[in-house]
Structures are given as C-alpha cells and as structure tokens.
Protein backbone atom coordinates (compact mmCIF):
# COMPACT_ATOMS: atom_id res chain seq x y z
CA MET A 1 -151.37 -31.88 -63.62
CA LEU A 2 -151.59 -34.28 -61.09
CA ARG A 3 -153.37 -33.60 -57.57
CA LEU A 4 -152.77 -36.05 -55.35
CA GLY A 5 -155.11 -37.49 -52.49
CA VAL A 6 -153.15 -38.73 -49.26
CA VAL A 7 -150.76 -41.39 -50.77
CA LEU A 8 -150.77 -44.62 -48.27
CA SER A 9 -147.24 -45.93 -48.44
CA LEU A 10 -145.01 -47.70 -45.78
CA GLN A 11 -141.84 -44.80 -47.14
CA GLY A 12 -144.25 -41.94 -44.91
CA GLY A 13 -146.74 -40.32 -45.10
CA ALA A 14 -149.71 -40.24 -43.37
CA TYR A 15 -150.19 -43.92 -42.52
CA PRO A 16 -147.39 -45.10 -40.63
CA PRO A 17 -148.63 -42.85 -37.40
CA LEU A 18 -151.99 -43.69 -38.19
CA ALA A 19 -151.32 -47.45 -38.06
CA VAL A 20 -149.15 -47.10 -35.40
CA LEU A 21 -152.07 -44.58 -33.02
CA ALA A 22 -154.13 -47.53 -34.59
CA ARG A 23 -152.00 -49.89 -33.09
CA ARG A 24 -152.66 -48.71 -29.71
CA PHE A 25 -156.16 -48.08 -29.82
CA LEU A 26 -156.37 -44.38 -30.15
CA GLY A 27 -157.29 -44.58 -33.82
CA GLY A 28 -160.75 -43.25 -33.78
CA MET A 29 -162.21 -40.59 -35.73
CA ALA A 30 -160.74 -37.26 -35.71
CA GLY A 31 -163.00 -34.71 -34.50
CA SER A 32 -166.22 -34.71 -36.46
CA GLY A 33 -165.37 -38.19 -38.68
CA GLN A 34 -166.97 -36.73 -41.08
CA GLN A 35 -164.74 -34.73 -42.94
CA GLY A 36 -163.43 -36.02 -46.23
CA PHE A 37 -160.58 -38.07 -46.93
CA SER A 38 -159.28 -38.72 -50.17
CA TRP A 39 -156.83 -41.57 -50.43
CA VAL A 40 -154.74 -43.31 -53.21
CA HIS A 41 -152.54 -45.99 -52.77
CA MET A 42 -148.50 -45.47 -53.46
CA ASP A 43 -148.82 -48.51 -55.93
CA ASP A 44 -151.44 -46.53 -58.20
CA ALA A 45 -150.64 -42.91 -58.00
CA VAL A 46 -146.73 -44.18 -59.41
CA GLU A 47 -148.61 -45.94 -61.77
CA VAL A 48 -150.18 -42.71 -62.92
CA PHE A 49 -147.34 -40.35 -63.00
CA ARG A 50 -145.92 -43.53 -65.24
CA GLN A 51 -148.97 -43.11 -67.51
CA ALA A 52 -148.72 -39.56 -67.45
CA ILE A 53 -144.84 -39.72 -68.75
CA GLU A 54 -145.11 -42.18 -71.36
CA ARG A 55 -149.21 -41.71 -73.01
CA THR A 56 -149.37 -38.77 -75.29
CA ASP A 57 -153.31 -38.80 -75.26
CA LEU A 58 -152.71 -37.68 -71.36
CA ALA A 59 -153.49 -34.09 -70.67
CA GLY A 60 -155.29 -31.47 -68.42
CA VAL A 61 -155.99 -31.45 -64.08
CA TYR A 62 -156.35 -34.92 -62.72
CA ASN A 63 -157.07 -36.53 -59.27
CA VAL A 64 -154.90 -38.78 -58.45
CA CYS A 65 -157.33 -40.44 -55.81
CA GLY A 66 -158.94 -43.69 -55.46
CA PRO A 67 -162.36 -44.35 -57.28
CA GLU A 68 -163.93 -44.43 -53.30
CA PRO A 69 -163.74 -41.21 -51.36
CA ALA A 70 -164.63 -42.39 -47.31
CA THR A 71 -164.92 -39.79 -44.61
CA ASN A 72 -162.50 -39.58 -41.87
CA ALA A 73 -164.92 -42.04 -40.12
CA ASP A 74 -165.00 -44.55 -42.76
CA PHE A 75 -160.66 -44.17 -43.22
CA MET A 76 -160.38 -45.16 -39.60
CA ARG A 77 -162.90 -47.69 -38.83
CA VAL A 78 -160.92 -49.41 -41.96
CA LEU A 79 -157.57 -48.78 -40.97
CA ARG A 80 -158.48 -50.63 -37.82
CA ARG A 81 -159.90 -53.19 -38.25
CA SER A 82 -156.60 -54.17 -41.15
CA VAL A 83 -154.71 -53.63 -38.30
CA GLY A 84 -156.96 -55.98 -35.92
CA ARG A 85 -158.43 -53.51 -33.88
CA PRO A 86 -162.68 -53.43 -33.10
CA TRP A 87 -162.59 -50.18 -31.34
CA ALA A 88 -161.15 -47.00 -30.46
CA PRO A 89 -162.12 -43.58 -28.96
CA ARG A 90 -162.97 -40.43 -30.87
CA ALA A 91 -160.38 -37.95 -31.15
CA PRO A 92 -161.65 -34.56 -29.93
CA GLU A 93 -160.92 -31.69 -32.02
CA PHE A 94 -158.07 -29.97 -29.57
CA ALA A 95 -156.05 -33.40 -29.38
CA VAL A 96 -155.94 -33.81 -33.24
CA LYS A 97 -154.36 -30.12 -33.66
CA TRP A 98 -151.75 -31.42 -31.29
CA ILE A 99 -150.89 -34.23 -32.93
CA ALA A 100 -150.94 -32.64 -36.28
CA ARG A 101 -148.58 -29.99 -35.11
CA ASN A 102 -146.20 -32.15 -33.21
CA VAL A 103 -146.03 -35.64 -34.45
CA LEU A 104 -147.22 -35.95 -38.22
CA LEU A 105 -145.94 -32.41 -38.57
CA VAL A 106 -149.17 -31.15 -40.80
CA ASP A 107 -151.62 -28.70 -40.56
CA PRO A 108 -154.42 -29.51 -38.29
CA GLN A 109 -157.03 -28.18 -41.30
CA LEU A 110 -155.56 -31.24 -43.58
CA ILE A 111 -157.27 -33.70 -40.96
CA LEU A 112 -160.08 -31.56 -39.50
CA GLY A 113 -161.17 -30.07 -43.20
CA GLY A 114 -160.71 -32.61 -45.18
CA ARG A 115 -161.44 -33.10 -49.30
CA SER A 116 -163.00 -35.07 -51.08
CA CYS A 117 -162.75 -35.71 -54.37
CA ALA A 118 -163.21 -38.79 -57.20
CA PRO A 119 -160.87 -39.54 -60.19
CA ALA A 120 -163.28 -39.09 -62.97
CA ARG A 121 -160.92 -37.86 -65.88
CA LEU A 122 -158.83 -41.12 -65.42
CA GLN A 123 -161.83 -43.32 -64.82
CA ALA A 124 -162.83 -41.71 -68.52
CA GLN A 125 -159.60 -42.86 -69.56
CA GLN A 126 -159.87 -46.56 -68.41
CA PHE A 127 -157.13 -46.03 -66.11
CA THR A 128 -157.03 -49.22 -64.29
CA PHE A 129 -156.77 -49.36 -60.33
CA LYS A 130 -154.89 -52.32 -58.54
CA PHE A 131 -156.57 -50.74 -55.10
CA PRO A 132 -159.70 -49.81 -55.86
CA ASP A 133 -161.24 -49.39 -52.59
CA LEU A 134 -160.13 -48.91 -49.43
CA ASP A 135 -160.28 -52.07 -47.78
CA SER A 136 -158.16 -53.31 -50.53
CA ALA A 137 -155.65 -50.64 -50.15
CA LEU A 138 -154.94 -50.49 -46.16
CA ARG A 139 -155.21 -54.64 -46.07
CA ASP A 140 -152.00 -54.68 -48.83
CA LEU A 141 -150.00 -52.17 -46.60
CA ALA A 142 -150.62 -53.54 -43.38
CA LYS A 143 -149.64 -57.59 -44.76
CA TRP A 144 -146.53 -55.42 -44.20
C-alpha cells in the first residue's frame, strides 16, 4: 500500500495553481504556516510505483513522500524563491478556505490541517530520491 504526500507535477495537482499564485505575489503562507506539508516530486512517485510493481521484497505500507517534510511556510518560501518572487503576504484562513473550495477544488483542511510524514520504510529499502529536498524539486518544476 502506497500512501502519497502532495505530488508535485506540472501536469496537475497542487503545483500549477500554487506556482501561479506565487508568480502573482500571492504565494504567502496559509494560515499559521506551521501545518505539515509532506510532498514528493512526480518523478520520484512514479519510480516508487515502478519498484513496488517490480520488486517482490516490497510489502506493506509505504509513505511516498520526500525525505524532508516541510511546513506550509517553508514550502511557500521555497516555491516563491523558485519562481523568482521574494515575498508575499500571508493568506488569512478565510481566504485559504475560499481559494481551496473555489479554485483548487479541495477540502480546506488539506491546506490548513496539514500532515507531516517521512518515507522511513522507503529509505530502509535503500530507495534513492532523484529530488531529496524541496529546493531541488521546485527548481526542477519552475524551469519549465
């Protein structure tokens, strides 16, 4: 069983709308900013799925997320830097709820509640991340 963190991809999900907000100087932290944000680059997620299909020694539950979980504030700071925006105002909770429901089409608790997990079992199986840190993952996506 593979439990996914937020998959960062150009093809959809959270990255494209968040990058647009950051480019428009609206990419500040959401609410308190202290909520956990477990993420994984799409390339790493695909590789985990490939190995899960091919390797008979992988069994049980695995967290598919980057080895360095971040807070929402950290994620948004690194995202802004990757798209060349130095600062953005904090997004108040009421605005986050509206944007989540009407723009991102997700439950606001996914943003305001947050989760933080680590890929301990993947690391114990010697999985090598192509994008082990948030900075490299977001820089890769921003170059497109």
